[in-house]
Amino acid sequence: QVQLVESGGGLVLPGGSVRLSCAASGRTFSNYAMGWFRQAPGKERSFVAAISRGGGSTVYADSVNGRFTMSGDNAKNTVYLQMNNLKPEDTAVYYCAAAAVGNNYYIPRLHREYASWGQGTQVTVSS
């Protein structure tokens, strides 16, 4: 498995921006599709965004499409989630995850498809 460590969370004003980072170590980073999920208090963990193995494609949840951008840097074994125009409902613990996939096209969206998870980073959007 690959080990994942998130960073970059914090307290942000509504309308503000923050960038999360997820550093991977262990197995070859480029063999994995990567995803971001979030979990708000009292709610189930939900899909936010994911990037294909190789970084050629991304997908987003409807609630963040147009506001969040996921990207990856294979040289640094790191993926990012740029979050703009943040809303109070974006408040959650954000988790990075890795899924071993067999090609560069399939992008998993279900949390059960991801075998490796980071510890999470808190993002709080509040005035």
Foldseek 3Di string as FASTA:
>chain_A
DKAKAKDWADEAEQQAKTKMKIAIDDPQLLQWKKFKWWDDPPGDIFGAKIAFRVRPDMDGDPVQPPFWDKGDDSVRNMIMIIGGNDDQVVWTWMKMFIARDDDRPDIDGDPVRTDYIYPTDTHGYHD
